[in-house]
Amino acid sequence: MKEHYFIVKWSKENGWELDPTTEEARFPDGTVWNGQEWEYPYLGEGNYNDNNDLVGQDLEVILTQANEREGE
């Protein structure tokens, strides 16, 4: 089973958001852990490791919902 790691940050100005710049700096060998080593989320030619693009989209939806609740 692969595990996907993301860095999420919060600020008053932007609320919750993904931070790919920090991810690249802190995870130079990739952000997908396969149980033995790190792998890159993007494999090239439109292919993503273990559907990492869909996992990231799901997380974006969650963060958007959290930001919308902040205004309530």
C-alpha atoms as a PDB file:
ATOM      1  CA  MET A   1       0.000   0.000   0.000  1.00  0.00           C
ATOM      2  CA  LYS A   2       1.402   3.382  -0.995  1.00  0.00           C
ATOM      3  CA  GLU A   3       1.117   6.462   1.195  1.00  0.00           C
ATOM      4  CA  HIS A   4       0.818   9.962  -0.279  1.00  0.00           C
ATOM      5  CA  TYR A   5       2.326  12.885   1.585  1.00  0.00           C
ATOM      6  CA  PHE A   6       1.361  16.518   1.115  1.00  0.00           C
ATOM      7  CA  ILE A   7       2.329  19.693   2.909  1.00  0.00           C
ATOM      8  CA  VAL A   8      -0.648  21.845   3.846  1.00  0.00           C
ATOM      9  CA  LYS A   9      -0.231  25.378   5.150  1.00  0.00           C
ATOM     10  CA  TRP A  10      -2.578  27.989   6.589  1.00  0.00           C
ATOM     11  CA  SER A  11      -2.425  31.773   6.607  1.00  0.00           C
ATOM     12  CA  LYS A  12      -4.969  34.492   7.384  1.00  0.00           C
ATOM     13  CA  GLU A  13      -4.630  35.786   3.839  1.00  0.00           C
ATOM     14  CA  ASN A  14      -5.127  32.501   1.948  1.00  0.00           C
ATOM     15  CA  GLY A  15      -6.576  30.041   4.450  1.00  0.00           C
ATOM     16  CA  TRP A  16      -5.733  26.371   3.923  1.00  0.00           C
ATOM     17  CA  GLU A  17      -3.736  25.473   0.820  1.00  0.00           C
ATOM     18  CA  LEU A  18      -1.310  22.906  -0.542  1.00  0.00           C
ATOM     19  CA  ASP A  19       2.343  23.960  -0.579  1.00  0.00           C
ATOM     20  CA  PRO A  20       4.096  22.216  -3.501  1.00  0.00           C
ATOM     21  CA  THR A  21       7.172  24.447  -3.236  1.00  0.00           C
ATOM     22  CA  THR A  22       7.898  23.263   0.302  1.00  0.00           C
ATOM     23  CA  GLU A  23       7.024  19.675  -0.691  1.00  0.00           C
ATOM     24  CA  GLU A  24       9.743  19.717  -3.342  1.00  0.00           C
ATOM     25  CA  ALA A  25      12.264  21.155  -0.881  1.00  0.00           C
ATOM     26  CA  ARG A  26      11.431  18.793   1.990  1.00  0.00           C
ATOM     27  CA  PHE A  27      10.772  15.663  -0.096  1.00  0.00           C
ATOM     28  CA  PRO A  28      13.448  15.748  -2.817  1.00  0.00           C
ATOM     29  CA  ASP A  29      12.999  12.020  -3.532  1.00  0.00           C
ATOM     30  CA  GLY A  30       9.232  12.254  -4.004  1.00  0.00           C
ATOM     31  CA  THR A  31       6.112  12.322  -1.841  1.00  0.00           C
ATOM     32  CA  VAL A  32       4.802   8.788  -2.331  1.00  0.00           C
ATOM     33  CA  TRP A  33       6.081   6.197   0.159  1.00  0.00           C
ATOM     34  CA  ASN A  34       5.866   2.621  -1.136  1.00  0.00           C
ATOM     35  CA  GLY A  35       6.849   1.009   2.170  1.00  0.00           C
ATOM     36  CA  GLN A  36      10.547   0.849   1.326  1.00  0.00           C
ATOM     37  CA  GLU A  37      11.452   4.006  -0.573  1.00  0.00           C
ATOM     38  CA  TRP A  38      10.143   7.345  -1.789  1.00  0.00           C
ATOM     39  CA  GLU A  39       8.726   7.687  -5.286  1.00  0.00           C
ATOM     40  CA  TYR A  40       7.784  10.690  -7.370  1.00  0.00           C
ATOM     41  CA  PRO A  41       4.078  11.489  -7.683  1.00  0.00           C
ATOM     42  CA  TYR A  42       4.317  12.312 -11.400  1.00  0.00           C
ATOM     43  CA  LEU A  43       5.709   9.586 -13.638  1.00  0.00           C
ATOM     44  CA  GLY A  44       5.674  11.571 -16.888  1.00  0.00           C
ATOM     45  CA  GLU A  45       3.643  11.466 -20.076  1.00  0.00           C
ATOM     46  CA  GLY A  46       0.423  12.228 -18.175  1.00  0.00           C
ATOM     47  CA  ASN A  47       0.819   9.317 -15.746  1.00  0.00           C
ATOM     48  CA  TYR A  48       0.624   9.704 -11.970  1.00  0.00           C
ATOM     49  CA  ASN A  49       1.923   7.334  -9.327  1.00  0.00           C
ATOM     50  CA  ASP A  50      -0.956   5.440  -7.686  1.00  0.00           C
ATOM     51  CA  ASN A  51      -3.492   8.059  -8.879  1.00  0.00           C
ATOM     52  CA  ASN A  52      -1.661  10.839  -7.020  1.00  0.00           C
ATOM     53  CA  ASP A  53      -3.438  13.427  -9.182  1.00  0.00           C
ATOM     54  CA  LEU A  54      -6.848  12.226  -7.968  1.00  0.00           C
ATOM     55  CA  VAL A  55      -5.679  12.071  -4.359  1.00  0.00           C
ATOM     56  CA  GLY A  56      -4.441  15.659  -4.650  1.00  0.00           C
ATOM     57  CA  GLN A  57      -7.742  16.761  -6.186  1.00  0.00           C
ATOM     58  CA  ASP A  58      -9.630  15.173  -3.287  1.00  0.00           C
ATOM     59  CA  LEU A  59      -7.444  17.037  -0.816  1.00  0.00           C
ATOM     60  CA  GLU A  60      -8.042  20.324  -2.676  1.00  0.00           C
ATOM     61  CA  VAL A  61     -11.808  19.772  -2.301  1.00  0.00           C
ATOM     62  CA  ILE A  62     -11.400  19.185   1.429  1.00  0.00           C
ATOM     63  CA  LEU A  63      -9.277  22.326   1.834  1.00  0.00           C
ATOM     64  CA  THR A  64     -11.776  24.393  -0.175  1.00  0.00           C
ATOM     65  CA  GLN A  65     -14.589  23.183   2.062  1.00  0.00           C
ATOM     66  CA  ALA A  66     -12.569  24.055   5.166  1.00  0.00           C
ATOM     67  CA  ASN A  67     -11.885  27.545   3.797  1.00  0.00           C
ATOM     68  CA  GLU A  68     -15.567  28.060   3.020  1.00  0.00           C
ATOM     69  CA  ARG A  69     -16.474  27.113   6.611  1.00  0.00           C
ATOM     70  CA  GLU A  70     -14.011  29.700   7.923  1.00  0.00           C
ATOM     71  CA  GLY A  71     -16.313  32.441   6.631  1.00  0.00           C
ATOM     72  CA  GLU A  72     -19.392  31.111   8.421  1.00  0.00           C
END
